[in-house]
Structure formats: C-alpha cells, structure tokens
Amino acid sequence: MNPTRNKLLIVLLLVVAMIATACRGSEDSADANVIVVEGASDASDSTTTIGDVADVADSDSDTTSTEAEAEASDAQGSEEEQALAFAACMRDEGIDFPDPEVGADGSVDFFGGGGGRDGDGGGFRDDPNFQSAIDVCGELIEGASFLPTDDDNAEREDTFLIAAECLREQGIDVPDPDFSAGGPGAGGPFGADFDPDDPATADAIEACQDVFTGLGQGGN
C-alpha cells in the first residue's frame, strides 16, 4: 500500500467510524414478529403421493433460490441507494461530501471520493459542521453491511493503539487514541495537530505501513 493511500485511510476510516457510531446511537431495538398458522387441513381431506412431495420440494427449492437471488439483488440496490442518499444528505447539510464508489459486487467504498481533507479531494472532515451533519444523516445508512461491526471497530481501536506506538517510535509525538466516547472525536485518534501531509509524519506513516495496512483491512 502506498503512502498516499495510507494517509487517506487514516482520515477516511475515522469518517466511517464516526458514521457507524452515529448510527449505533440512533438504532432502536425491535422484537421479531412471530406468525403462527392455525387450522391446518385434516389428513383425511386429501391423499398425497411420494411423487407429489418430490414435485413440491423441487418447486419450493426453485422458489427459494429465486427469492434469495432477488433479495440479494434488492439488498445490493438498497445499500447503494442508502449510500448515495447519505452523501446527498451530507451535501444538503453543507458538507462537500462526495458520492461513494459502488463496486460491481455491490460493495460501497467511501474512500473512493477523496480523503476528506483539503488537498485530498474534499476537506469535509475539517468542516466544523461535519459531526452535526452525520447526526442528521446517519440514520439513512442504519444497518448497512458496509459499516464496520462492533468487532471490526474493536479491532481497529486496538490497531490504532499499535499505530500510535509505532509513530512515537518514529519520533512523532502522538497520544494514545481514546475511543471511550464511542468514536475518535473531532480531532481524530492522534489529536487535532496530527498532519499526515507533514514530511516527517509521512515518513513515519511509511515506516509503519504494515500497521496502517491492517487498519485498512479492518480484519476482513
């Protein structure tokens, strides 16, 4: 992974983490509905042969397969629509947020539109209204599979701690990230003064490339 991509990951993983935190905060738990079917026909009403059962099984299998494919297609379209709606909402809130890139497999890449800092294709993360915009728009992507899971977030938090230690070993004075509030905070995990474009910092990021590559993979 090249240094530029590493710098983008530092910024953009924070964006995704902030979005995920906002979504988790607004989710409401719901009990699953259980449907009970009563009044089944008496066995004496009809006679069913083994062949009939086989035909029904084949039909059910075909139907299930078709329904699963349709649901997968709908989910892909739905998540793409969610991501695009979220980006549009952020722009409506005054944030210069790019449309994400959607892969052929339906994956949604918020990294595709730029880094979120001035010079990285956006500058939106430094906008003082960024967090409030996420609070407004986050519900549009609640439950989306492209958001990191709790396990993903826990692993990334651990990796950020390792990254901070590595950066300090390279002479960059950064604090240990604090995610106790559920997210990295407006200043990012390495503090508001952390500048990945600074030459010394860029060299340190390059030296810690393996750690930042792990952040990009997110355990997947």
Protein backbone atom coordinates (compact mmCIF):
# COMPACT_ATOMS: atom_id res chain seq x y z
CA MET A 1 0.00 0.00 0.00
CA ASN A 2 1.44 3.38 -0.96
CA PRO A 3 1.89 6.30 1.48
CA THR A 4 -0.88 8.34 -0.11
CA ARG A 5 -3.38 5.52 0.34
CA ASN A 6 -2.22 5.13 3.95
CA LYS A 7 -2.91 8.81 4.60
CA LEU A 8 -6.34 8.51 3.05
CA LEU A 9 -7.10 5.50 5.21
CA ILE A 10 -6.20 7.35 8.39
CA VAL A 11 -8.68 10.10 7.56
CA LEU A 12 -11.42 8.05 5.97
CA LEU A 13 -11.52 5.21 8.46
CA LEU A 14 -12.32 7.89 11.01
CA VAL A 15 -15.17 9.11 8.83
CA VAL A 16 -16.64 5.61 8.62
CA ALA A 17 -16.12 5.09 12.36
CA MET A 18 -17.93 8.33 13.14
CA ILE A 19 -20.78 7.36 10.83
CA ALA A 20 -21.05 3.94 12.45
CA THR A 21 -21.04 5.48 15.92
CA ALA A 22 -23.85 7.86 14.97
CA CYS A 23 -25.88 5.01 13.52
CA ARG A 24 -25.44 2.79 16.57
CA GLY A 25 -26.55 5.63 18.79
CA SER A 26 -29.82 6.10 16.91
CA GLU A 27 -30.81 2.46 16.44
CA ASP A 28 -33.85 1.20 18.32
CA SER A 29 -34.14 -2.46 19.27
CA ALA A 30 -37.18 -4.32 17.89
CA ASP A 31 -38.64 -7.72 18.73
CA ALA A 32 -39.03 -10.17 15.87
CA ASN A 33 -42.62 -10.84 14.81
CA VAL A 34 -43.71 -14.46 15.01
CA ILE A 35 -46.53 -15.63 12.75
CA VAL A 36 -48.45 -18.69 13.91
CA VAL A 37 -50.54 -20.53 11.33
CA GLU A 38 -53.52 -22.39 12.75
CA GLY A 39 -56.30 -24.50 11.30
CA ALA A 40 -54.24 -26.87 9.13
CA SER A 41 -56.24 -29.26 6.92
CA ASP A 42 -57.11 -32.68 8.32
CA ALA A 43 -55.01 -35.51 6.84
CA SER A 44 -58.14 -37.31 5.62
CA ASP A 45 -59.09 -34.43 3.32
CA SER A 46 -56.59 -35.41 0.64
CA THR A 47 -54.10 -38.06 -0.38
CA THR A 48 -50.54 -37.07 -1.26
CA THR A 49 -48.17 -39.40 -3.10
CA ILE A 50 -44.38 -39.52 -2.80
CA GLY A 51 -44.17 -38.07 -6.31
CA ASP A 52 -46.32 -35.15 -5.26
CA VAL A 53 -43.98 -34.47 -2.33
CA ALA A 54 -40.94 -34.56 -4.63
CA ASP A 55 -42.58 -32.16 -7.07
CA VAL A 56 -43.43 -29.76 -4.27
CA ALA A 57 -39.90 -29.99 -2.86
CA ASP A 58 -38.37 -29.19 -6.25
CA SER A 59 -40.77 -26.30 -6.71
CA ASP A 60 -40.03 -24.95 -3.24
CA SER A 61 -36.28 -25.24 -3.87
CA ASP A 62 -36.53 -23.31 -7.13
CA THR A 63 -38.72 -20.68 -5.50
CA THR A 64 -36.36 -20.31 -2.53
CA SER A 65 -33.34 -19.95 -4.82
CA THR A 66 -35.09 -17.35 -6.95
CA GLU A 67 -36.27 -15.43 -3.91
CA ALA A 68 -32.78 -15.47 -2.39
CA GLU A 69 -31.27 -14.12 -5.60
CA ALA A 70 -33.93 -11.42 -5.79
CA GLU A 71 -33.38 -10.46 -2.15
CA ALA A 72 -29.62 -10.25 -2.70
CA SER A 73 -30.16 -8.04 -5.73
CA ASP A 74 -32.60 -5.84 -3.82
CA ALA A 75 -30.18 -5.57 -0.90
CA GLN A 76 -27.36 -4.52 -3.21
CA GLY A 77 -29.53 -1.87 -4.84
CA SER A 78 -30.86 -0.77 -1.49
CA GLU A 79 -27.41 -0.30 0.05
CA GLU A 80 -26.20 1.63 -2.97
CA GLU A 81 -29.27 3.85 -2.67
CA GLN A 82 -28.61 4.25 1.06
CA ALA A 83 -25.01 5.32 0.46
CA LEU A 84 -25.94 7.78 -2.26
CA ALA A 85 -28.79 9.19 -0.17
CA PHE A 86 -26.40 9.64 2.75
CA ALA A 87 -23.90 11.51 0.57
CA ALA A 88 -26.67 13.72 -0.83
CA CYS A 89 -27.93 14.43 2.70
CA MET A 90 -24.45 15.44 3.82
CA ARG A 91 -24.25 17.88 0.93
CA ASP A 92 -27.69 19.23 1.86
CA GLU A 93 -26.25 19.88 5.32
CA GLY A 94 -23.49 21.96 3.76
CA ILE A 95 -20.71 19.34 3.73
CA ASP A 96 -18.75 18.89 0.49
CA PHE A 97 -19.17 15.12 0.67
CA PRO A 98 -18.53 13.06 -2.49
CA ASP A 99 -20.66 10.22 -3.77
CA PRO A 100 -19.10 6.89 -2.72
CA GLU A 101 -17.91 4.40 -5.29
CA VAL A 102 -20.05 1.26 -5.64
CA GLY A 103 -18.28 -1.87 -6.86
CA ALA A 104 -19.67 -4.44 -9.27
CA ASP A 105 -20.20 -6.77 -6.31
CA GLY A 106 -22.32 -4.16 -4.53
CA SER A 107 -19.60 -3.13 -2.09
CA VAL A 108 -19.66 0.52 -1.08
CA ASP A 109 -16.36 2.38 -0.85
CA PHE A 110 -16.45 5.72 0.98
CA PHE A 111 -12.72 6.00 0.23
CA GLY A 112 -13.36 6.44 -3.47
CA GLY A 113 -14.34 10.08 -3.42
CA GLY A 114 -11.22 11.55 -1.81
CA GLY A 115 -9.55 11.86 1.54
CA GLY A 116 -11.81 14.29 3.30
CA ARG A 117 -9.07 16.83 3.90
CA ASP A 118 -8.00 19.85 1.87
CA GLY A 119 -5.87 18.55 -0.96
CA ASP A 120 -7.25 15.02 -0.61
CA GLY A 121 -10.36 15.66 -2.65
CA GLY A 122 -12.70 17.20 -0.16
CA GLY A 123 -11.74 18.88 3.08
CA PHE A 124 -15.07 17.85 4.57
CA ARG A 125 -13.72 16.21 7.74
CA ASP A 126 -12.32 19.52 8.96
CA ASP A 127 -15.67 21.25 8.45
CA PRO A 128 -16.97 22.32 11.89
CA ASN A 129 -20.45 21.14 10.90
CA PHE A 130 -19.29 17.66 9.92
CA GLN A 131 -20.36 15.89 13.12
CA SER A 132 -23.76 17.57 13.26
CA ALA A 133 -24.33 16.59 9.62
CA ILE A 134 -23.55 12.97 10.46
CA ASP A 135 -26.03 13.16 13.34
CA VAL A 136 -28.71 14.27 10.86
CA CYS A 137 -27.86 11.89 8.01
CA GLY A 138 -26.57 8.82 9.84
CA GLU A 139 -29.99 7.20 10.10
CA LEU A 140 -30.07 6.87 6.30
CA ILE A 141 -27.49 4.09 6.44
CA GLU A 142 -28.55 2.33 9.64
CA GLY A 143 -27.95 -1.40 9.37
CA ALA A 144 -25.95 -1.16 6.14
CA SER A 145 -23.50 -4.04 5.74
CA PHE A 146 -20.71 -1.72 4.57
CA LEU A 147 -20.47 -0.14 8.02
CA PRO A 148 -17.95 -1.74 10.38
CA THR A 149 -19.31 -4.13 13.00
CA ASP A 150 -18.59 -3.80 16.72
CA ASP A 151 -15.87 -6.46 16.33
CA ASP A 152 -14.36 -4.52 13.42
CA ASN A 153 -14.35 -1.33 15.49
CA ALA A 154 -12.75 -3.04 18.50
CA GLU A 155 -10.01 -4.47 16.28
CA ARG A 156 -9.39 -1.10 14.64
CA GLU A 157 -9.18 0.60 18.04
CA ASP A 158 -6.50 -1.90 19.11
CA THR A 159 -4.65 -1.34 15.84
CA PHE A 160 -4.80 2.44 16.29
CA LEU A 161 -3.05 1.97 19.65
CA ILE A 162 -0.31 -0.04 17.94
CA ALA A 163 -0.09 2.62 15.23
CA ALA A 164 0.31 5.37 17.84
CA GLU A 165 3.15 3.45 19.48
CA CYS A 166 4.82 2.93 16.10
CA LEU A 167 4.53 6.63 15.24
CA ARG A 168 6.12 7.58 18.56
CA GLU A 169 8.99 5.18 17.85
CA GLN A 170 9.48 7.11 14.61
CA GLY A 171 9.70 10.40 16.51
CA ILE A 172 6.12 11.63 16.01
CA ASP A 173 4.60 12.73 19.32
CA VAL A 174 1.03 11.43 19.30
CA PRO A 175 -1.19 10.38 22.22
CA ASP A 176 -2.84 7.00 22.59
CA PRO A 177 -6.24 7.22 20.90
CA ASP A 178 -9.22 7.50 23.25
CA PHE A 179 -12.41 5.87 21.98
CA SER A 180 -14.20 5.93 25.34
CA ALA A 181 -16.86 8.30 23.96
CA GLY A 182 -17.74 5.80 21.22
CA GLY A 183 -15.66 7.42 18.49
CA PRO A 184 -12.32 9.07 17.78
CA GLY A 185 -13.58 12.60 18.41
CA ALA A 186 -13.42 15.61 16.15
CA GLY A 187 -9.62 15.83 16.40
CA GLY A 188 -9.09 12.26 15.27
CA PRO A 189 -7.37 9.45 17.17
CA PHE A 190 -3.93 11.11 17.05
CA GLY A 191 -5.09 14.59 18.02
CA ALA A 192 -6.04 17.68 16.06
CA ASP A 193 -2.38 18.58 15.41
CA PHE A 194 -1.65 15.33 13.57
CA ASP A 195 -0.91 16.17 9.94
CA PRO A 196 -0.31 13.18 7.62
CA ASP A 197 0.91 15.62 4.95
CA ASP A 198 3.83 16.79 7.09
CA PRO A 199 7.02 15.29 5.56
CA ALA A 200 8.27 13.82 8.85
CA THR A 201 4.84 12.37 9.61
CA ALA A 202 4.55 10.98 6.09
CA ASP A 203 7.90 9.24 6.55
CA ALA A 204 6.71 7.80 9.87
CA ILE A 205 3.50 6.54 8.27
CA GLU A 206 5.58 4.87 5.57
CA ALA A 207 7.74 3.21 8.24
CA CYS A 208 4.57 1.99 9.99
CA GLN A 209 2.99 0.88 6.73
CA ASP A 210 2.24 -2.65 7.91
CA VAL A 211 0.20 -1.30 10.83
CA PHE A 212 -1.80 1.09 8.69
CA THR A 213 -2.40 -1.63 6.13
CA GLY A 214 -4.02 -3.59 8.95
CA LEU A 215 -6.29 -0.62 9.64
CA GLY A 216 -7.36 -0.58 6.02
CA GLN A 217 -8.19 -4.26 6.05
CA GLY A 218 -10.19 -3.91 9.24
CA GLY A 219 -9.87 -7.62 9.94
CA ASN A 220 -11.71 -8.58 6.76
